[in-house]
Amino acid sequence: MRNRTVYVDVDGTLVHSFGAKRIPITHTIDFVKKLKEDGVSLFCWSMAGANYAQATAEEFGIAYCFDGFL
């Protein structure tokens, strides 16, 4: 899987939001970790912006997996 790039959306992919409650989507988070281990280049993005994407990745302890935030 090396030499591959994957873009991961935040809302509905990494987290479900119900009002102020945020529920991590654990199977996706585990898959992101596996892709990182396999050497895939990962970018986390959100229509809400790069800061939101990064804050969410940090919240779930996976910011280290991403090469950038969009």
PDB file of N, CA and C in Angstrom:
ATOM      1  N   MET A   1       0.821  -1.195   0.000  1.00  0.00           N
ATOM      2  CA  MET A   1       0.000   0.000   0.000  1.00  0.00           C
ATOM      3  C   MET A   1       0.870   1.266   0.000  1.00  0.00           C
ATOM      4  N   ARG A   2       2.169   1.131  -0.023  1.00  0.00           N
ATOM      5  CA  ARG A   2       3.029   2.313  -0.072  1.00  0.00           C
ATOM      6  C   ARG A   2       2.761   3.077  -1.366  1.00  0.00           C
ATOM      7  N   ASN A   3       3.143   4.349  -1.355  1.00  0.00           N
ATOM      8  CA  ASN A   3       2.924   5.236  -2.498  1.00  0.00           C
ATOM      9  C   ASN A   3       1.449   5.500  -2.751  1.00  0.00           C
ATOM     10  N   ARG A   4       0.653   5.363  -1.735  1.00  0.00           N
ATOM     11  CA  ARG A   4      -0.773   5.670  -1.834  1.00  0.00           C
ATOM     12  C   ARG A   4      -1.089   6.832  -0.916  1.00  0.00           C
ATOM     13  N   THR A   5      -2.076   7.609  -1.320  1.00  0.00           N
ATOM     14  CA  THR A   5      -2.531   8.728  -0.512  1.00  0.00           C
ATOM     15  C   THR A   5      -4.023   8.576  -0.280  1.00  0.00           C
ATOM     16  N   VAL A   6      -4.434   8.752   0.973  1.00  0.00           N
ATOM     17  CA  VAL A   6      -5.839   8.628   1.344  1.00  0.00           C
ATOM     18  C   VAL A   6      -6.250   9.906   2.080  1.00  0.00           C
ATOM     19  N   TYR A   7      -7.406  10.437   1.699  1.00  0.00           N
ATOM     20  CA  TYR A   7      -7.988  11.597   2.352  1.00  0.00           C
ATOM     21  C   TYR A   7      -9.152  11.126   3.211  1.00  0.00           C
ATOM     22  N   VAL A   8      -9.136  11.498   4.481  1.00  0.00           N
ATOM     23  CA  VAL A   8     -10.139  11.037   5.435  1.00  0.00           C
ATOM     24  C   VAL A   8     -10.972  12.230   5.902  1.00  0.00           C
ATOM     25  N   ASP A   9     -12.267  12.163   5.660  1.00  0.00           N
ATOM     26  CA  ASP A   9     -13.185  13.202   6.117  1.00  0.00           C
ATOM     27  C   ASP A   9     -13.434  13.020   7.613  1.00  0.00           C
ATOM     28  N   VAL A  10     -13.837  14.072   8.267  1.00  0.00           N
ATOM     29  CA  VAL A  10     -14.084  14.025   9.710  1.00  0.00           C
ATOM     30  C   VAL A  10     -15.512  13.599  10.017  1.00  0.00           C
ATOM     31  N   ASP A  11     -16.473  14.444   9.710  1.00  0.00           N
ATOM     32  CA  ASP A  11     -17.859  14.203  10.111  1.00  0.00           C
ATOM     33  C   ASP A  11     -18.484  13.061   9.310  1.00  0.00           C
ATOM     34  N   GLY A  12     -18.966  12.068  10.047  1.00  0.00           N
ATOM     35  CA  GLY A  12     -19.585  10.904   9.429  1.00  0.00           C
ATOM     36  C   GLY A  12     -18.582   9.821   9.069  1.00  0.00           C
ATOM     37  N   THR A  13     -17.281  10.136   9.191  1.00  0.00           N
ATOM     38  CA  THR A  13     -16.243   9.153   8.898  1.00  0.00           C
ATOM     39  C   THR A  13     -15.436   8.833  10.152  1.00  0.00           C
ATOM     40  N   LEU A  14     -14.948   9.865  10.826  1.00  0.00           N
ATOM     41  CA  LEU A  14     -14.219   9.679  12.083  1.00  0.00           C
ATOM     42  C   LEU A  14     -15.097   9.869  13.306  1.00  0.00           C
ATOM     43  N   VAL A  15     -16.156  10.667  13.160  1.00  0.00           N
ATOM     44  CA  VAL A  15     -16.990  10.993  14.316  1.00  0.00           C
ATOM     45  C   VAL A  15     -18.440  11.230  13.889  1.00  0.00           C
ATOM     46  N   HIS A  16     -19.345  10.784  14.738  1.00  0.00           N
ATOM     47  CA  HIS A  16     -20.764  11.137  14.613  1.00  0.00           C
ATOM     48  C   HIS A  16     -21.038  12.215  15.652  1.00  0.00           C
ATOM     49  N   SER A  17     -21.700  13.277  15.245  1.00  0.00           N
ATOM     50  CA  SER A  17     -22.032  14.348  16.175  1.00  0.00           C
ATOM     51  C   SER A  17     -23.538  14.432  16.345  1.00  0.00           C
ATOM     52  N   PHE A  18     -23.953  14.483  17.591  1.00  0.00           N
ATOM     53  CA  PHE A  18     -25.358  14.644  17.943  1.00  0.00           C
ATOM     54  C   PHE A  18     -25.433  15.814  18.912  1.00  0.00           C
ATOM     55  N   GLY A  19     -25.679  17.000  18.363  1.00  0.00           N
ATOM     56  CA  GLY A  19     -25.624  18.201  19.184  1.00  0.00           C
ATOM     57  C   GLY A  19     -24.202  18.398  19.661  1.00  0.00           C
ATOM     58  N   ALA A  20     -24.020  18.511  20.966  1.00  0.00           N
ATOM     59  CA  ALA A  20     -22.683  18.685  21.525  1.00  0.00           C
ATOM     60  C   ALA A  20     -21.977  17.354  21.769  1.00  0.00           C
ATOM     61  N   LYS A  21     -22.693  16.251  21.632  1.00  0.00           N
ATOM     62  CA  LYS A  21     -22.108  14.931  21.881  1.00  0.00           C
ATOM     63  C   LYS A  21     -21.403  14.426  20.630  1.00  0.00           C
ATOM     64  N   ARG A  22     -20.155  13.981  20.808  1.00  0.00           N
ATOM     65  CA  ARG A  22     -19.360  13.454  19.692  1.00  0.00           C
ATOM     66  C   ARG A  22     -19.011  12.002  19.983  1.00  0.00           C
ATOM     67  N   ILE A  23     -19.326  11.133  19.055  1.00  0.00           N
ATOM     68  CA  ILE A  23     -19.075   9.703  19.225  1.00  0.00           C
ATOM     69  C   ILE A  23     -18.057   9.262  18.177  1.00  0.00           C
ATOM     70  N   PRO A  24     -16.881   8.814  18.617  1.00  0.00           N
ATOM     71  CA  PRO A  24     -15.879   8.371  17.652  1.00  0.00           C
ATOM     72  C   PRO A  24     -16.343   7.110  16.921  1.00  0.00           C
ATOM     73  N   ILE A  25     -15.987   7.018  15.662  1.00  0.00           N
ATOM     74  CA  ILE A  25     -16.281   5.827  14.855  1.00  0.00           C
ATOM     75  C   ILE A  25     -15.025   4.965  14.929  1.00  0.00           C
ATOM     76  N   THR A  26     -15.020   4.054  15.892  1.00  0.00           N
ATOM     77  CA  THR A  26     -13.795   3.344  16.256  1.00  0.00           C
ATOM     78  C   THR A  26     -13.250   2.461  15.138  1.00  0.00           C
ATOM     79  N   HIS A  27     -14.107   1.844  14.351  1.00  0.00           N
ATOM     80  CA  HIS A  27     -13.569   0.979  13.295  1.00  0.00           C
ATOM     81  C   HIS A  27     -12.828   1.799  12.239  1.00  0.00           C
ATOM     82  N   THR A  28     -13.264   3.021  11.990  1.00  0.00           N
ATOM     83  CA  THR A  28     -12.550   3.883  11.049  1.00  0.00           C
ATOM     84  C   THR A  28     -11.239   4.361  11.663  1.00  0.00           C
ATOM     85  N   ILE A  29     -11.258   4.720  12.919  1.00  0.00           N
ATOM     86  CA  ILE A  29     -10.044   5.158  13.605  1.00  0.00           C
ATOM     87  C   ILE A  29      -9.007   4.037  13.607  1.00  0.00           C
ATOM     88  N   ASP A  30      -9.435   2.820  13.877  1.00  0.00           N
ATOM     89  CA  ASP A  30      -8.519   1.672  13.838  1.00  0.00           C
ATOM     90  C   ASP A  30      -7.959   1.463  12.436  1.00  0.00           C
ATOM     91  N   PHE A  31      -8.790   1.670  11.412  1.00  0.00           N
ATOM     92  CA  PHE A  31      -8.353   1.511  10.037  1.00  0.00           C
ATOM     93  C   PHE A  31      -7.333   2.585   9.659  1.00  0.00           C
ATOM     94  N   VAL A  32      -7.531   3.809  10.126  1.00  0.00           N
ATOM     95  CA  VAL A  32      -6.566   4.887   9.891  1.00  0.00           C
ATOM     96  C   VAL A  32      -5.209   4.496  10.479  1.00  0.00           C
ATOM     97  N   LYS A  33      -5.200   3.961  11.685  1.00  0.00           N
ATOM     98  CA  LYS A  33      -3.958   3.526  12.321  1.00  0.00           C
ATOM     99  C   LYS A  33      -3.276   2.434  11.499  1.00  0.00           C
ATOM    100  N   LYS A  34      -4.053   1.496  10.983  1.00  0.00           N
ATOM    101  CA  LYS A  34      -3.514   0.404  10.161  1.00  0.00           C
ATOM    102  C   LYS A  34      -2.921   0.947   8.865  1.00  0.00           C
ATOM    103  N   LEU A  35      -3.623   1.884   8.229  1.00  0.00           N
ATOM    104  CA  LEU A  35      -3.097   2.479   7.003  1.00  0.00           C
ATOM    105  C   LEU A  35      -1.765   3.174   7.273  1.00  0.00           C
ATOM    106  N   LYS A  36      -1.662   3.885   8.397  1.00  0.00           N
ATOM    107  CA  LYS A  36      -0.413   4.554   8.769  1.00  0.00           C
ATOM    108  C   LYS A  36       0.697   3.529   8.933  1.00  0.00           C
ATOM    109  N   GLU A  37       0.402   2.430   9.620  1.00  0.00           N
ATOM    110  CA  GLU A  37       1.391   1.359   9.808  1.00  0.00           C
ATOM    111  C   GLU A  37       1.844   0.789   8.468  1.00  0.00           C
ATOM    112  N   ASP A  38       0.948   0.757   7.500  1.00  0.00           N
ATOM    113  CA  ASP A  38       1.253   0.209   6.176  1.00  0.00           C
ATOM    114  C   ASP A  38       1.972   1.212   5.277  1.00  0.00           C
ATOM    115  N   GLY A  39       2.238   2.410   5.782  1.00  0.00           N
ATOM    116  CA  GLY A  39       2.994   3.394   5.038  1.00  0.00           C
ATOM    117  C   GLY A  39       2.194   4.271   4.098  1.00  0.00           C
ATOM    118  N   VAL A  40       0.878   4.291   4.271  1.00  0.00           N
ATOM    119  CA  VAL A  40       0.018   5.129   3.438  1.00  0.00           C
ATOM    120  C   VAL A  40       0.129   6.577   3.893  1.00  0.00           C
ATOM    121  N   SER A  41       0.170   7.499   2.950  1.00  0.00           N
ATOM    122  CA  SER A  41       0.164   8.929   3.256  1.00  0.00           C
ATOM    123  C   SER A  41      -1.286   9.356   3.497  1.00  0.00           C
ATOM    124  N   LEU A  42      -1.560   9.914   4.657  1.00  0.00           N
ATOM    125  CA  LEU A  42      -2.927  10.252   5.051  1.00  0.00           C
ATOM    126  C   LEU A  42      -3.095  11.751   5.274  1.00  0.00           C
ATOM    127  N   PHE A  43      -4.235  12.260   4.822  1.00  0.00           N
ATOM    128  CA  PHE A  43      -4.614  13.648   5.065  1.00  0.00           C
ATOM    129  C   PHE A  43      -6.019  13.653   5.645  1.00  0.00           C
ATOM    130  N   CYS A  44      -6.224  14.459   6.666  1.00  0.00           N
ATOM    131  CA  CYS A  44      -7.522  14.591   7.314  1.00  0.00           C
ATOM    132  C   CYS A  44      -8.120  15.919   6.883  1.00  0.00           C
ATOM    133  N   TRP A  45      -9.375  15.890   6.461  1.00  0.00           N
ATOM    134  CA  TRP A  45      -9.985  17.124   5.962  1.00  0.00           C
ATOM    135  C   TRP A  45     -11.416  17.269   6.466  1.00  0.00           C
ATOM    136  N   SER A  46     -11.870  18.501   6.424  1.00  0.00           N
ATOM    137  CA  SER A  46     -13.249  18.792   6.778  1.00  0.00           C
ATOM    138  C   SER A  46     -13.678  20.084   6.092  1.00  0.00           C
ATOM    139  N   MET A  47     -14.931  20.140   5.711  1.00  0.00           N
ATOM    140  CA  MET A  47     -15.465  21.395   5.185  1.00  0.00           C
ATOM    141  C   MET A  47     -15.444  22.488   6.248  1.00  0.00           C
ATOM    142  N   ALA A  48     -15.362  22.089   7.520  1.00  0.00           N
ATOM    143  CA  ALA A  48     -15.284  23.056   8.622  1.00  0.00           C
ATOM    144  C   ALA A  48     -13.875  23.635   8.762  1.00  0.00           C
ATOM    145  N   GLY A  49     -12.915  23.114   8.018  1.00  0.00           N
ATOM    146  CA  GLY A  49     -11.574  23.674   8.010  1.00  0.00           C
ATOM    147  C   GLY A  49     -10.505  22.781   8.607  1.00  0.00           C
ATOM    148  N   ALA A  50      -9.264  23.156   8.304  1.00  0.00           N
ATOM    149  CA  ALA A  50      -8.096  22.389   8.737  1.00  0.00           C
ATOM    150  C   ALA A  50      -7.962  22.356  10.259  1.00  0.00           C
ATOM    151  N   ASN A  51      -8.255  23.460  10.928  1.00  0.00           N
ATOM    152  CA  ASN A  51      -8.136  23.485  12.393  1.00  0.00           C
ATOM    153  C   ASN A  51      -9.099  22.502  13.044  1.00  0.00           C
ATOM    154  N   TYR A  52     -10.316  22.433  12.517  1.00  0.00           N
ATOM    155  CA  TYR A  52     -11.313  21.488  13.038  1.00  0.00           C
ATOM    156  C   TYR A  52     -10.866  20.054  12.790  1.00  0.00           C
ATOM    157  N   ALA A  53     -10.344  19.795  11.595  1.00  0.00           N
ATOM    158  CA  ALA A  53      -9.867  18.449  11.267  1.00  0.00           C
ATOM    159  C   ALA A  53      -8.740  18.046  12.211  1.00  0.00           C
ATOM    160  N   GLN A  54      -7.797  18.945  12.427  1.00  0.00           N
ATOM    161  CA  GLN A  54      -6.682  18.640  13.305  1.00  0.00           C
ATOM    162  C   GLN A  54      -7.135  18.464  14.752  1.00  0.00           C
ATOM    163  N   ALA A  55      -8.019  19.317  15.207  1.00  0.00           N
ATOM    164  CA  ALA A  55      -8.512  19.210  16.588  1.00  0.00           C
ATOM    165  C   ALA A  55      -9.233  17.885  16.810  1.00  0.00           C
ATOM    166  N   THR A  56      -9.987  17.442  15.822  1.00  0.00           N
ATOM    167  CA  THR A  56     -10.685  16.161  15.945  1.00  0.00           C
ATOM    168  C   THR A  56      -9.692  15.012  15.986  1.00  0.00           C
ATOM    169  N   ALA A  57      -8.692  15.043  15.115  1.00  0.00           N
ATOM    170  CA  ALA A  57      -7.671  13.990  15.119  1.00  0.00           C
ATOM    171  C   ALA A  57      -6.930  13.966  16.454  1.00  0.00           C
ATOM    172  N   GLU A  58      -6.638  15.131  16.999  1.00  0.00           N
ATOM    173  CA  GLU A  58      -5.985  15.200  18.310  1.00  0.00           C
ATOM    174  C   GLU A  58      -6.899  14.670  19.400  1.00  0.00           C
ATOM    175  N   GLU A  59      -8.169  15.010  19.322  1.00  0.00           N
ATOM    176  CA  GLU A  59      -9.151  14.542  20.313  1.00  0.00           C
ATOM    177  C   GLU A  59      -9.172  13.020  20.397  1.00  0.00           C
ATOM    178  N   PHE A  60      -9.031  12.360  19.250  1.00  0.00           N
ATOM    179  CA  PHE A  60      -9.102  10.899  19.212  1.00  0.00           C
ATOM    180  C   PHE A  60      -7.728  10.233  19.198  1.00  0.00           C
ATOM    181  N   GLY A  61      -6.671  11.031  19.398  1.00  0.00           N
ATOM    182  CA  GLY A  61      -5.328  10.481  19.529  1.00  0.00           C
ATOM    183  C   GLY A  61      -4.723   9.932  18.246  1.00  0.00           C
ATOM    184  N   ILE A  62      -5.146  10.464  17.098  1.00  0.00           N
ATOM    185  CA  ILE A  62      -4.628   9.948  15.828  1.00  0.00           C
ATOM    186  C   ILE A  62      -3.994  11.043  14.962  1.00  0.00           C
ATOM    187  N   ALA A  63      -3.726  12.196  15.534  1.00  0.00           N
ATOM    188  CA  ALA A  63      -3.140  13.284  14.745  1.00  0.00           C
ATOM    189  C   ALA A  63      -1.796  12.862  14.147  1.00  0.00           C
ATOM    190  N   TYR A  64      -1.061  12.026  14.854  1.00  0.00           N
ATOM    191  CA  TYR A  64       0.244  11.552  14.365  1.00  0.00           C
ATOM    192  C   TYR A  64       0.125  10.760  13.062  1.00  0.00           C
ATOM    193  N   CYS A  65      -1.051  10.245  12.776  1.00  0.00           N
ATOM    194  CA  CYS A  65      -1.257   9.433  11.580  1.00  0.00           C
ATOM    195  C   CYS A  65      -1.292  10.267  10.293  1.00  0.00           C
ATOM    196  N   PHE A  66      -1.549  11.547  10.428  1.00  0.00           N
ATOM    197  CA  PHE A  66      -1.801  12.377   9.254  1.00  0.00           C
ATOM    198  C   PHE A  66      -0.585  13.218   8.869  1.00  0.00           C
ATOM    199  N   ASP A  67      -0.396  13.329   7.557  1.00  0.00           N
ATOM    200  CA  ASP A  67       0.669  14.157   7.000  1.00  0.00           C
ATOM    201  C   ASP A  67       0.239  15.611   6.868  1.00  0.00           C
ATOM    202  N   GLY A  68      -1.063  15.856   6.966  1.00  0.00           N
ATOM    203  CA  GLY A  68      -1.556  17.214   6.868  1.00  0.00           C
ATOM    204  C   GLY A  68      -3.044  17.275   7.133  1.00  0.00           C
ATOM    205  N   PHE A  69      -3.525  18.499   7.300  1.00  0.00           N
ATOM    206  CA  PHE A  69      -4.930  18.750   7.600  1.00  0.00           C
ATOM    207  C   PHE A  69      -5.447  19.806   6.633  1.00  0.00           C
ATOM    208  N   LEU A  70      -6.617  19.566   6.096  1.00  0.00           N
ATOM    209  CA  LEU A  70      -7.198  20.450   5.094  1.00  0.00           C
ATOM    210  C   LEU A  70      -8.583  20.877   5.522  1.00  0.00           C
TER     211      LEU A  70
END
